[in-house]
Amino acid sequence: MSQLFRRFISLPIQSIRSFHSFDEVTPAKYISTRLQNGIGSRYVCQLQRLTIQVCKEFRTSFGTREWIANELTAFARQHPYVVIYVQPRRHRPPNVIGEYLSGDRQWIPLSNCDRSHVNWWIHSLLTQQGDPQWRLLKQMHTDSPSIQGTWTPFTNKPIDRTLRIYPDKDLTDIEYPQMTATQQIKELFEQEKLNKTT
């Protein structure tokens, strides 16, 4: 333990920074799919192909075999834009592989998953866009980032408003005066009468 600590201390600062670099852990890339998918136009499902690898006899494939027997046809009818392949593999654990429009692939092991878990994983693949494992790079860069934080409905509001119990009578009196439009017109009329007489 002490040798490892001595070795870590003897490292220069630059190598310590590179030791904790996230570039080696998760690769980075720019977004290659549309973020406004379905807004202002028709929705395009990003999942294009689903490959289910399953063994006909292996016990870890029981839930996957049950999902294939009971729910595969209904899933295929509901989502005709997804091509589904069932690939038999002898004495190996089951997997599901999703291929997306962006060219990315997702691989999920389904060992010892029951039917509901298999259904959950397949619908999870269906609702993704294919690249959650990448660190997404922003299209812009600044040397002086903002420190004000995320906007909330209470940003730039008085602090005492967060502690009030709503509906608050004081706030409604300020924002919604009790004088009606009819009363305001009558008051203006009376002022006009006074101006004409003087």
N, C-alpha and C. Protein backbone atom coordinates (compact mmCIF):
# COMPACT_ATOMS: atom_id res chain seq x y z
N MET A 1 0.83 -1.20 0.00
CA MET A 1 0.00 0.00 0.00
C MET A 1 0.87 1.26 0.00
N SER A 2 1.91 1.24 0.82
CA SER A 2 2.76 2.42 0.91
C SER A 2 3.56 2.62 -0.38
N GLN A 3 3.94 1.51 -1.05
CA GLN A 3 4.66 1.65 -2.32
C GLN A 3 3.77 2.29 -3.38
N LEU A 4 2.51 1.89 -3.42
CA LEU A 4 1.58 2.48 -4.38
C LEU A 4 1.38 3.97 -4.10
N PHE A 5 1.30 4.32 -2.81
CA PHE A 5 1.12 5.73 -2.44
C PHE A 5 2.36 6.55 -2.81
N ARG A 6 3.57 5.98 -2.55
CA ARG A 6 4.80 6.67 -2.92
C ARG A 6 4.88 6.87 -4.43
N ARG A 7 4.46 5.84 -5.16
CA ARG A 7 4.50 5.92 -6.62
C ARG A 7 3.53 7.00 -7.12
N PHE A 8 2.37 7.09 -6.50
CA PHE A 8 1.38 8.09 -6.89
C PHE A 8 1.87 9.51 -6.58
N ILE A 9 2.54 9.68 -5.42
CA ILE A 9 3.05 11.00 -5.04
C ILE A 9 4.19 11.42 -5.97
N SER A 10 4.99 10.47 -6.40
CA SER A 10 6.12 10.82 -7.25
C SER A 10 5.73 11.17 -8.67
N LEU A 11 4.45 10.93 -9.05
CA LEU A 11 4.01 11.28 -10.40
C LEU A 11 3.96 12.79 -10.56
N PRO A 12 4.37 13.31 -11.71
CA PRO A 12 4.21 14.75 -11.92
C PRO A 12 2.75 15.13 -12.07
N ILE A 13 2.45 16.43 -11.93
CA ILE A 13 1.06 16.91 -11.96
C ILE A 13 0.40 16.57 -13.29
N GLN A 14 1.11 16.71 -14.39
CA GLN A 14 0.52 16.47 -15.70
C GLN A 14 0.05 15.03 -15.84
N SER A 15 0.85 14.07 -15.34
CA SER A 15 0.46 12.67 -15.48
C SER A 15 -0.70 12.33 -14.56
N ILE A 16 -0.83 13.02 -13.39
CA ILE A 16 -1.98 12.80 -12.52
C ILE A 16 -3.25 13.25 -13.22
N ARG A 17 -3.17 14.40 -13.93
CA ARG A 17 -4.35 14.88 -14.66
C ARG A 17 -4.74 13.91 -15.76
N SER A 18 -3.75 13.40 -16.48
CA SER A 18 -4.07 12.47 -17.56
C SER A 18 -4.56 11.13 -17.00
N PHE A 19 -4.14 10.80 -15.76
CA PHE A 19 -4.60 9.56 -15.13
C PHE A 19 -6.11 9.62 -14.87
N HIS A 20 -6.63 10.81 -14.55
CA HIS A 20 -8.05 10.99 -14.27
C HIS A 20 -8.81 11.53 -15.48
N SER A 21 -8.25 11.41 -16.66
CA SER A 21 -8.90 11.94 -17.85
C SER A 21 -10.09 11.08 -18.23
N PHE A 22 -11.21 11.73 -18.55
CA PHE A 22 -12.40 11.00 -18.96
C PHE A 22 -12.34 10.57 -20.42
N ASP A 23 -11.37 11.11 -21.18
CA ASP A 23 -11.27 10.75 -22.59
C ASP A 23 -10.93 9.27 -22.76
N GLU A 24 -10.16 8.71 -21.81
CA GLU A 24 -9.80 7.30 -21.92
C GLU A 24 -10.96 6.40 -21.48
N VAL A 25 -11.80 6.90 -20.59
CA VAL A 25 -12.90 6.08 -20.07
C VAL A 25 -14.06 6.05 -21.05
N THR A 26 -14.54 7.22 -21.43
CA THR A 26 -15.66 7.29 -22.38
C THR A 26 -15.28 8.19 -23.54
N PRO A 27 -15.36 7.69 -24.75
CA PRO A 27 -15.05 8.55 -25.90
C PRO A 27 -16.10 9.63 -26.08
N ALA A 28 -15.72 10.71 -26.76
CA ALA A 28 -16.62 11.83 -26.95
C ALA A 28 -16.91 12.02 -28.43
N LYS A 29 -18.09 12.55 -28.72
CA LYS A 29 -18.45 12.85 -30.11
C LYS A 29 -19.57 13.87 -30.12
N TYR A 30 -19.84 14.42 -31.31
CA TYR A 30 -20.95 15.35 -31.48
C TYR A 30 -22.23 14.57 -31.73
N ILE A 31 -23.38 15.19 -31.49
CA ILE A 31 -24.66 14.54 -31.70
C ILE A 31 -24.86 14.28 -33.18
N SER A 32 -25.20 13.04 -33.52
CA SER A 32 -25.40 12.70 -34.93
C SER A 32 -26.86 12.40 -35.25
N THR A 33 -27.75 12.51 -34.26
CA THR A 33 -29.17 12.28 -34.50
C THR A 33 -29.94 13.56 -34.22
N ARG A 34 -31.16 13.65 -34.72
CA ARG A 34 -31.98 14.85 -34.55
C ARG A 34 -32.56 14.90 -33.15
N LEU A 35 -32.32 16.00 -32.45
CA LEU A 35 -32.88 16.15 -31.11
C LEU A 35 -34.34 16.57 -31.15
N GLN A 36 -34.77 17.20 -32.26
CA GLN A 36 -36.16 17.64 -32.38
C GLN A 36 -36.97 16.61 -33.15
N ASN A 37 -36.71 15.34 -32.93
CA ASN A 37 -37.39 14.28 -33.66
C ASN A 37 -38.87 14.27 -33.31
N GLY A 38 -39.73 14.51 -34.30
CA GLY A 38 -41.16 14.50 -34.08
C GLY A 38 -41.75 15.86 -33.79
N ILE A 39 -40.92 16.90 -33.59
CA ILE A 39 -41.43 18.24 -33.34
C ILE A 39 -41.51 18.97 -34.67
N GLY A 40 -42.70 19.29 -35.12
CA GLY A 40 -42.87 19.97 -36.38
C GLY A 40 -42.81 19.08 -37.60
N SER A 41 -42.58 17.82 -37.40
CA SER A 41 -42.55 16.86 -38.52
C SER A 41 -42.93 15.50 -37.98
N ARG A 42 -42.89 14.50 -38.83
CA ARG A 42 -43.27 13.16 -38.36
C ARG A 42 -42.14 12.54 -37.56
N TYR A 43 -42.51 11.65 -36.64
CA TYR A 43 -41.53 10.98 -35.79
C TYR A 43 -40.86 9.85 -36.57
N VAL A 44 -39.54 9.77 -36.47
CA VAL A 44 -38.77 8.70 -37.10
C VAL A 44 -38.10 7.91 -35.98
N CYS A 45 -38.48 6.64 -35.83
CA CYS A 45 -37.89 5.80 -34.79
C CYS A 45 -36.43 5.57 -35.13
N GLN A 46 -35.55 5.79 -34.17
CA GLN A 46 -34.11 5.65 -34.41
C GLN A 46 -33.68 4.19 -34.41
N LEU A 47 -34.41 3.33 -33.72
CA LEU A 47 -34.09 1.90 -33.73
C LEU A 47 -34.54 1.29 -35.04
N GLN A 48 -33.63 0.66 -35.77
CA GLN A 48 -33.96 0.10 -37.08
C GLN A 48 -33.94 -1.42 -37.09
N ARG A 49 -33.07 -2.03 -36.30
CA ARG A 49 -32.95 -3.49 -36.32
C ARG A 49 -32.76 -4.00 -34.90
N LEU A 50 -33.44 -5.09 -34.60
CA LEU A 50 -33.37 -5.72 -33.27
C LEU A 50 -33.01 -7.18 -33.47
N THR A 51 -31.90 -7.60 -32.92
CA THR A 51 -31.46 -9.00 -33.02
C THR A 51 -31.52 -9.62 -31.64
N ILE A 52 -32.32 -10.68 -31.50
CA ILE A 52 -32.46 -11.38 -30.22
C ILE A 52 -31.74 -12.70 -30.35
N GLN A 53 -30.68 -12.88 -29.57
CA GLN A 53 -29.90 -14.12 -29.58
C GLN A 53 -30.35 -14.95 -28.39
N VAL A 54 -30.79 -16.19 -28.66
CA VAL A 54 -31.39 -17.01 -27.61
C VAL A 54 -31.03 -18.48 -27.83
N CYS A 55 -30.94 -19.24 -26.74
CA CYS A 55 -30.72 -20.67 -26.81
C CYS A 55 -32.05 -21.38 -26.57
N LYS A 56 -32.30 -22.45 -27.32
CA LYS A 56 -33.57 -23.16 -27.19
C LYS A 56 -33.65 -24.00 -25.92
N GLU A 57 -32.51 -24.31 -25.30
CA GLU A 57 -32.50 -25.22 -24.15
C GLU A 57 -31.91 -24.61 -22.89
N PHE A 58 -31.03 -23.64 -23.02
CA PHE A 58 -30.30 -23.11 -21.87
C PHE A 58 -31.27 -22.46 -20.90
N ARG A 59 -31.09 -22.71 -19.57
CA ARG A 59 -32.07 -22.22 -18.59
C ARG A 59 -32.03 -20.71 -18.40
N THR A 60 -30.90 -20.07 -18.70
CA THR A 60 -30.85 -18.61 -18.55
C THR A 60 -31.67 -17.90 -19.61
N SER A 61 -32.11 -18.63 -20.66
CA SER A 61 -32.88 -18.03 -21.75
C SER A 61 -34.39 -18.20 -21.56
N PHE A 62 -34.82 -18.67 -20.39
CA PHE A 62 -36.24 -18.98 -20.22
C PHE A 62 -37.13 -17.75 -20.41
N GLY A 63 -36.78 -16.63 -19.78
CA GLY A 63 -37.60 -15.42 -19.90
C GLY A 63 -37.60 -14.87 -21.32
N THR A 64 -36.47 -14.97 -22.01
CA THR A 64 -36.40 -14.49 -23.39
C THR A 64 -37.24 -15.35 -24.31
N ARG A 65 -37.18 -16.70 -24.10
CA ARG A 65 -38.02 -17.61 -24.91
C ARG A 65 -39.49 -17.35 -24.65
N GLU A 66 -39.85 -17.07 -23.42
CA GLU A 66 -41.25 -16.78 -23.07
C GLU A 66 -41.71 -15.48 -23.74
N TRP A 67 -40.84 -14.45 -23.78
CA TRP A 67 -41.20 -13.19 -24.43
C TRP A 67 -41.38 -13.40 -25.93
N ILE A 68 -40.51 -14.20 -26.53
CA ILE A 68 -40.61 -14.48 -27.97
C ILE A 68 -41.91 -15.21 -28.28
N ALA A 69 -42.27 -16.19 -27.44
CA ALA A 69 -43.47 -16.98 -27.69
C ALA A 69 -44.75 -16.17 -27.50
N ASN A 70 -44.77 -15.23 -26.56
CA ASN A 70 -46.02 -14.55 -26.21
C ASN A 70 -46.15 -13.13 -26.74
N GLU A 71 -45.05 -12.37 -26.85
CA GLU A 71 -45.16 -10.95 -27.13
C GLU A 71 -44.46 -10.48 -28.40
N LEU A 72 -43.72 -11.34 -29.05
CA LEU A 72 -42.95 -10.90 -30.22
C LEU A 72 -43.86 -10.47 -31.37
N THR A 73 -44.90 -11.24 -31.65
CA THR A 73 -45.78 -10.89 -32.79
C THR A 73 -46.52 -9.58 -32.53
N ALA A 74 -46.98 -9.37 -31.30
CA ALA A 74 -47.67 -8.11 -30.98
C ALA A 74 -46.71 -6.93 -31.08
N PHE A 75 -45.48 -7.10 -30.64
CA PHE A 75 -44.47 -6.05 -30.73
C PHE A 75 -44.18 -5.73 -32.20
N ALA A 76 -44.07 -6.77 -33.03
CA ALA A 76 -43.78 -6.56 -34.46
C ALA A 76 -44.93 -5.85 -35.15
N ARG A 77 -46.18 -6.13 -34.75
CA ARG A 77 -47.33 -5.44 -35.35
C ARG A 77 -47.38 -3.97 -34.93
N GLN A 78 -47.05 -3.70 -33.67
CA GLN A 78 -47.09 -2.32 -33.18
C GLN A 78 -45.97 -1.46 -33.75
N HIS A 79 -44.83 -2.09 -34.06
CA HIS A 79 -43.65 -1.35 -34.54
C HIS A 79 -43.17 -1.97 -35.85
N PRO A 80 -43.89 -1.71 -36.96
CA PRO A 80 -43.50 -2.32 -38.23
C PRO A 80 -42.22 -1.75 -38.83
N TYR A 81 -41.75 -0.62 -38.31
CA TYR A 81 -40.53 0.01 -38.83
C TYR A 81 -39.27 -0.60 -38.25
N VAL A 82 -39.38 -1.52 -37.28
CA VAL A 82 -38.22 -2.18 -36.69
C VAL A 82 -38.13 -3.60 -37.24
N VAL A 83 -36.98 -3.94 -37.82
CA VAL A 83 -36.75 -5.30 -38.34
C VAL A 83 -36.27 -6.15 -37.17
N ILE A 84 -36.90 -7.31 -36.97
CA ILE A 84 -36.58 -8.16 -35.82
C ILE A 84 -36.03 -9.49 -36.32
N TYR A 85 -34.85 -9.86 -35.79
CA TYR A 85 -34.23 -11.15 -36.08
C TYR A 85 -34.15 -11.94 -34.79
N VAL A 86 -34.48 -13.23 -34.86
CA VAL A 86 -34.28 -14.14 -33.72
C VAL A 86 -33.18 -15.10 -34.15
N GLN A 87 -32.07 -15.08 -33.42
CA GLN A 87 -30.89 -15.85 -33.79
C GLN A 87 -30.64 -16.92 -32.73
N PRO A 88 -30.79 -18.21 -33.07
CA PRO A 88 -30.51 -19.26 -32.07
C PRO A 88 -29.01 -19.43 -31.83
N ARG A 89 -28.64 -19.58 -30.56
CA ARG A 89 -27.23 -19.84 -30.18
C ARG A 89 -27.24 -20.96 -29.15
N ARG A 90 -26.55 -22.01 -29.40
CA ARG A 90 -26.57 -23.17 -28.51
C ARG A 90 -25.74 -22.94 -27.26
N HIS A 91 -26.37 -23.16 -26.11
CA HIS A 91 -25.72 -23.15 -24.79
C HIS A 91 -24.94 -21.86 -24.51
N ARG A 92 -25.55 -20.76 -24.88
CA ARG A 92 -24.98 -19.45 -24.57
C ARG A 92 -26.06 -18.56 -23.98
N PRO A 93 -25.67 -17.60 -23.15
CA PRO A 93 -26.68 -16.71 -22.55
C PRO A 93 -27.34 -15.82 -23.60
N PRO A 94 -28.59 -15.41 -23.37
CA PRO A 94 -29.31 -14.59 -24.36
C PRO A 94 -28.85 -13.13 -24.36
N ASN A 95 -28.93 -12.52 -25.51
CA ASN A 95 -28.59 -11.11 -25.68
C ASN A 95 -29.62 -10.46 -26.58
N VAL A 96 -29.68 -9.14 -26.50
CA VAL A 96 -30.46 -8.37 -27.48
C VAL A 96 -29.56 -7.25 -28.00
N ILE A 97 -29.54 -7.09 -29.31
CA ILE A 97 -28.69 -6.10 -29.96
C ILE A 97 -29.58 -5.16 -30.75
N GLY A 98 -29.47 -3.87 -30.48
CA GLY A 98 -30.23 -2.86 -31.21
C GLY A 98 -29.31 -2.05 -32.11
N GLU A 99 -29.71 -1.90 -33.37
CA GLU A 99 -28.93 -1.10 -34.32
C GLU A 99 -29.75 0.12 -34.72
N TYR A 100 -29.09 1.28 -34.75
CA TYR A 100 -29.77 2.56 -34.90
C TYR A 100 -29.41 3.25 -36.21
N LEU A 101 -30.19 4.28 -36.55
CA LEU A 101 -29.96 5.06 -37.77
C LEU A 101 -28.60 5.74 -37.78
N SER A 102 -28.09 6.10 -36.61
CA SER A 102 -26.80 6.78 -36.54
C SER A 102 -25.63 5.84 -36.79
N GLY A 103 -25.91 4.53 -36.89
CA GLY A 103 -24.84 3.55 -37.09
C GLY A 103 -24.35 2.92 -35.80
N ASP A 104 -24.85 3.37 -34.67
CA ASP A 104 -24.42 2.82 -33.38
C ASP A 104 -25.19 1.55 -33.06
N ARG A 105 -24.60 0.75 -32.17
CA ARG A 105 -25.22 -0.50 -31.73
C ARG A 105 -25.25 -0.56 -30.22
N GLN A 106 -26.33 -1.09 -29.67
CA GLN A 106 -26.45 -1.31 -28.23
C GLN A 106 -26.55 -2.81 -28.00
N TRP A 107 -25.78 -3.32 -27.07
CA TRP A 107 -25.78 -4.75 -26.75
C TRP A 107 -26.15 -4.91 -25.28
N ILE A 108 -27.21 -5.69 -25.01
CA ILE A 108 -27.69 -5.86 -23.63
C ILE A 108 -27.80 -7.34 -23.34
N PRO A 109 -27.13 -7.85 -22.28
CA PRO A 109 -27.28 -9.26 -21.89
C PRO A 109 -28.61 -9.47 -21.16
N LEU A 110 -29.27 -10.58 -21.46
CA LEU A 110 -30.58 -10.87 -20.86
C LEU A 110 -30.55 -12.14 -20.01
N SER A 111 -29.39 -12.48 -19.43
CA SER A 111 -29.28 -13.71 -18.65
C SER A 111 -30.19 -13.66 -17.43
N ASN A 112 -30.97 -14.73 -17.25
CA ASN A 112 -31.86 -14.91 -16.10
C ASN A 112 -32.89 -13.78 -15.97
N CYS A 113 -33.19 -13.08 -17.04
CA CYS A 113 -34.24 -12.07 -17.01
C CYS A 113 -35.59 -12.74 -17.25
N ASP A 114 -36.60 -12.35 -16.48
CA ASP A 114 -37.92 -12.89 -16.75
C ASP A 114 -38.58 -12.10 -17.89
N ARG A 115 -39.80 -12.49 -18.23
CA ARG A 115 -40.48 -11.92 -19.39
C ARG A 115 -40.68 -10.41 -19.28
N SER A 116 -41.02 -9.93 -18.09
CA SER A 116 -41.26 -8.49 -17.92
C SER A 116 -39.97 -7.69 -18.06
N HIS A 117 -38.85 -8.24 -17.56
CA HIS A 117 -37.57 -7.54 -17.70
C HIS A 117 -37.12 -7.49 -19.16
N VAL A 118 -37.33 -8.59 -19.88
CA VAL A 118 -36.98 -8.60 -21.31
C VAL A 118 -37.80 -7.55 -22.05
N ASN A 119 -39.10 -7.48 -21.73
CA ASN A 119 -39.97 -6.48 -22.35
C ASN A 119 -39.50 -5.06 -22.03
N TRP A 120 -39.08 -4.83 -20.77
CA TRP A 120 -38.59 -3.52 -20.37
C TRP A 120 -37.34 -3.14 -21.15
N TRP A 121 -36.38 -4.06 -21.28
CA TRP A 121 -35.13 -3.77 -21.99
C TRP A 121 -35.39 -3.49 -23.47
N ILE A 122 -36.29 -4.24 -24.07
CA ILE A 122 -36.56 -4.04 -25.50
C ILE A 122 -37.24 -2.69 -25.73
N HIS A 123 -38.17 -2.31 -24.86
CA HIS A 123 -38.80 -0.99 -25.00
C HIS A 123 -37.82 0.13 -24.65
N SER A 124 -36.84 -0.15 -23.80
CA SER A 124 -35.79 0.83 -23.52
C SER A 124 -34.95 1.08 -24.76
N LEU A 125 -34.61 0.01 -25.48
CA LEU A 125 -33.87 0.18 -26.73
C LEU A 125 -34.70 0.93 -27.76
N LEU A 126 -36.01 0.69 -27.75
CA LEU A 126 -36.90 1.32 -28.73
C LEU A 126 -36.97 2.83 -28.55
N THR A 127 -36.88 3.31 -27.32
CA THR A 127 -37.05 4.73 -27.05
C THR A 127 -35.74 5.50 -27.02
N GLN A 128 -34.60 4.83 -27.23
CA GLN A 128 -33.32 5.53 -27.23
C GLN A 128 -32.96 5.98 -28.64
N GLN A 129 -31.92 6.80 -28.73
CA GLN A 129 -31.46 7.23 -30.05
C GLN A 129 -30.13 6.60 -30.42
N GLY A 130 -29.61 5.72 -29.58
CA GLY A 130 -28.49 4.90 -30.00
C GLY A 130 -27.14 5.27 -29.45
N ASP A 131 -26.98 6.44 -28.83
CA ASP A 131 -25.65 6.81 -28.37
C ASP A 131 -25.61 7.32 -26.94
N PRO A 132 -26.11 6.57 -25.95
CA PRO A 132 -26.00 7.06 -24.57
C PRO A 132 -24.62 6.82 -23.97
N GLN A 133 -23.79 5.98 -24.59
CA GLN A 133 -22.49 5.66 -24.00
C GLN A 133 -21.43 6.69 -24.34
N TRP A 134 -21.77 7.70 -25.17
CA TRP A 134 -20.80 8.71 -25.55
C TRP A 134 -20.97 9.96 -24.69
N ARG A 135 -19.87 10.61 -24.39
CA ARG A 135 -19.94 11.95 -23.83
C ARG A 135 -20.20 12.90 -24.98
N LEU A 136 -21.28 13.65 -24.92
CA LEU A 136 -21.64 14.52 -26.03
C LEU A 136 -20.90 15.84 -25.92
N LEU A 137 -20.23 16.22 -27.01
CA LEU A 137 -19.51 17.48 -27.05
C LEU A 137 -20.46 18.60 -27.45
N LYS A 138 -20.31 19.78 -26.84
CA LYS A 138 -21.16 20.90 -27.19
C LYS A 138 -20.64 21.54 -28.48
N GLN A 139 -21.54 22.20 -29.19
CA GLN A 139 -21.15 22.87 -30.42
C GLN A 139 -20.51 24.23 -30.14
N MET A 140 -20.52 24.68 -28.88
CA MET A 140 -19.96 25.98 -28.56
C MET A 140 -18.99 25.83 -27.39
N HIS A 141 -18.14 26.82 -27.22
CA HIS A 141 -17.15 26.80 -26.15
C HIS A 141 -16.94 28.22 -25.65
N THR A 142 -16.77 28.38 -24.35
CA THR A 142 -16.48 29.69 -23.78
C THR A 142 -15.40 29.53 -22.71
N ASP A 143 -14.53 30.52 -22.62
CA ASP A 143 -13.48 30.50 -21.60
C ASP A 143 -13.98 31.02 -20.26
N SER A 144 -15.12 31.70 -20.25
CA SER A 144 -15.68 32.21 -19.00
C SER A 144 -17.12 31.70 -18.86
N PRO A 145 -17.33 30.48 -18.39
CA PRO A 145 -18.68 29.95 -18.28
C PRO A 145 -19.51 30.68 -17.24
N SER A 146 -20.82 30.64 -17.41
CA SER A 146 -21.73 31.33 -16.50
C SER A 146 -21.77 30.61 -15.16
N ILE A 147 -21.89 31.39 -14.09
CA ILE A 147 -21.93 30.79 -12.75
C ILE A 147 -23.31 30.97 -12.12
N GLN A 148 -24.28 31.46 -12.87
CA GLN A 148 -25.57 31.75 -12.25
C GLN A 148 -26.41 30.50 -12.05
N GLY A 149 -26.07 29.41 -12.71
CA GLY A 149 -26.78 28.16 -12.48
C GLY A 149 -27.99 28.00 -13.39
N THR A 150 -28.72 26.93 -13.14
CA THR A 150 -29.87 26.60 -13.97
C THR A 150 -31.05 27.51 -13.64
N TRP A 151 -31.79 27.92 -14.68
CA TRP A 151 -32.95 28.77 -14.47
C TRP A 151 -34.06 27.99 -13.80
N THR A 152 -34.72 28.60 -12.84
CA THR A 152 -35.91 28.04 -12.20
C THR A 152 -36.99 29.11 -12.20
N PRO A 153 -38.25 28.75 -11.92
CA PRO A 153 -39.29 29.78 -11.83
C PRO A 153 -39.04 30.82 -10.74
N PHE A 154 -38.14 30.53 -9.78
CA PHE A 154 -37.86 31.46 -8.70
C PHE A 154 -36.61 32.30 -8.96
N THR A 155 -35.98 32.16 -10.15
CA THR A 155 -34.82 32.98 -10.46
C THR A 155 -35.25 34.44 -10.57
N ASN A 156 -34.44 35.35 -10.00
CA ASN A 156 -34.69 36.80 -10.00
C ASN A 156 -35.99 37.18 -9.30
N LYS A 157 -36.48 36.34 -8.42
CA LYS A 157 -37.66 36.67 -7.62
C LYS A 157 -37.21 36.93 -6.18
N PRO A 158 -37.98 37.68 -5.40
CA PRO A 158 -37.61 37.88 -3.99
C PRO A 158 -37.58 36.55 -3.24
N ILE A 159 -36.63 36.43 -2.32
CA ILE A 159 -36.43 35.17 -1.62
C ILE A 159 -37.63 34.82 -0.74
N ASP A 160 -38.32 35.83 -0.21
CA ASP A 160 -39.44 35.54 0.68
C ASP A 160 -40.58 34.83 -0.04
N ARG A 161 -40.63 34.91 -1.38
CA ARG A 161 -41.72 34.23 -2.10
C ARG A 161 -41.59 32.71 -2.04
N THR A 162 -40.39 32.21 -1.86
CA THR A 162 -40.21 30.76 -1.78
C THR A 162 -40.69 30.20 -0.45
N LEU A 163 -40.79 31.06 0.55
CA LEU A 163 -41.21 30.59 1.88
C LEU A 163 -42.69 30.78 2.15
N ARG A 164 -43.39 31.44 1.25
CA ARG A 164 -44.82 31.69 1.47
C ARG A 164 -45.66 30.44 1.22
N ILE A 165 -46.85 30.45 1.78
CA ILE A 165 -47.83 29.38 1.55
C ILE A 165 -48.86 29.93 0.58
N TYR A 166 -48.98 29.27 -0.55
CA TYR A 166 -49.88 29.74 -1.61
C TYR A 166 -51.23 29.06 -1.51
N PRO A 167 -52.34 29.71 -1.89
CA PRO A 167 -52.46 31.08 -2.38
C PRO A 167 -52.26 32.09 -1.25
N ASP A 168 -51.53 33.17 -1.56
CA ASP A 168 -51.19 34.19 -0.59
C ASP A 168 -52.02 35.45 -0.87
N LYS A 169 -52.72 35.95 0.17
CA LYS A 169 -53.63 37.10 0.00
C LYS A 169 -52.87 38.36 -0.38
N ASP A 170 -51.66 38.57 0.20
CA ASP A 170 -50.88 39.77 -0.11
C ASP A 170 -50.49 39.81 -1.58
N LEU A 171 -50.08 38.68 -2.11
CA LEU A 171 -49.65 38.65 -3.52
C LEU A 171 -50.83 38.84 -4.46
N THR A 172 -51.97 38.25 -4.12
CA THR A 172 -53.13 38.43 -4.99
C THR A 172 -53.63 39.86 -4.95
N ASP A 173 -53.51 40.53 -3.80
CA ASP A 173 -53.91 41.94 -3.73
C ASP A 173 -53.00 42.81 -4.59
N ILE A 174 -51.72 42.49 -4.61
CA ILE A 174 -50.77 43.30 -5.39
C ILE A 174 -50.99 43.06 -6.88
N GLU A 175 -51.10 41.81 -7.29
CA GLU A 175 -51.17 41.50 -8.71
C GLU A 175 -52.56 41.68 -9.29
N TYR A 176 -53.59 41.47 -8.46
CA TYR A 176 -54.97 41.60 -8.92
C TYR A 176 -55.68 42.59 -8.02
N PRO A 177 -55.77 43.88 -8.41
CA PRO A 177 -56.45 44.86 -7.55
C PRO A 177 -57.93 44.52 -7.38
N GLN A 178 -58.48 44.90 -6.22
CA GLN A 178 -59.87 44.56 -5.91
C GLN A 178 -60.87 45.43 -6.66
N MET A 179 -60.43 46.59 -7.20
CA MET A 179 -61.36 47.47 -7.93
C MET A 179 -61.68 46.85 -9.29
N THR A 180 -62.96 46.73 -9.58
CA THR A 180 -63.37 46.15 -10.86
C THR A 180 -63.30 47.19 -11.97
N ALA A 181 -63.45 46.75 -13.21
CA ALA A 181 -63.42 47.66 -14.36
C ALA A 181 -64.58 48.65 -14.31
N THR A 182 -65.74 48.18 -13.88
CA THR A 182 -66.91 49.06 -13.79
C THR A 182 -66.66 50.19 -12.78
N GLN A 183 -66.07 49.86 -11.65
CA GLN A 183 -65.77 50.86 -10.64
C GLN A 183 -64.75 51.88 -11.15
N GLN A 184 -63.74 51.39 -11.91
CA GLN A 184 -62.74 52.29 -12.47
C GLN A 184 -63.38 53.28 -13.46
N ILE A 185 -64.31 52.80 -14.28
CA ILE A 185 -65.00 53.67 -15.25
C ILE A 185 -65.85 54.71 -14.53
N LYS A 186 -66.55 54.28 -13.46
CA LYS A 186 -67.35 55.23 -12.68
C LYS A 186 -66.48 56.30 -12.05
N GLU A 187 -65.32 55.91 -11.54
CA GLU A 187 -64.42 56.88 -10.92
C GLU A 187 -63.89 57.87 -11.95
N LEU A 188 -63.53 57.38 -13.14
CA LEU A 188 -63.08 58.28 -14.21
C LEU A 188 -64.20 59.26 -14.61
N PHE A 189 -65.43 58.76 -14.66
CA PHE A 189 -66.57 59.60 -15.00
C PHE A 189 -66.77 60.70 -13.97
N GLU A 190 -66.64 60.35 -12.68
CA GLU A 190 -66.79 61.35 -11.61
C GLU A 190 -65.68 62.41 -11.69
N GLN A 191 -64.45 61.98 -12.01
CA GLN A 191 -63.35 62.93 -12.14
C GLN A 191 -63.60 63.90 -13.31
N GLU A 192 -64.11 63.37 -14.41
CA GLU A 192 -64.44 64.21 -15.57
C GLU A 192 -65.52 65.25 -15.21
N LYS A 193 -66.50 64.82 -14.43
CA LYS A 193 -67.56 65.74 -14.00
C LYS A 193 -66.99 66.86 -13.14
N LEU A 194 -66.09 66.50 -12.23
CA LEU A 194 -65.46 67.50 -11.37
C LEU A 194 -64.62 68.47 -12.18
N ASN A 195 -63.88 67.97 -13.18
CA ASN A 195 -63.04 68.83 -14.04
C ASN A 195 -63.88 69.82 -14.84
N LYS A 196 -65.06 69.38 -15.30
CA LYS A 196 -65.91 70.25 -16.11
C LYS A 196 -66.54 71.37 -15.26
N THR A 197 -66.87 71.05 -14.01
CA THR A 197 -67.51 72.04 -13.15
C THR A 197 -66.50 73.08 -12.67
N THR A 198 -65.24 72.76 -12.57
CA THR A 198 -64.25 73.71 -12.07
C THR A 198 -63.61 74.52 -13.16
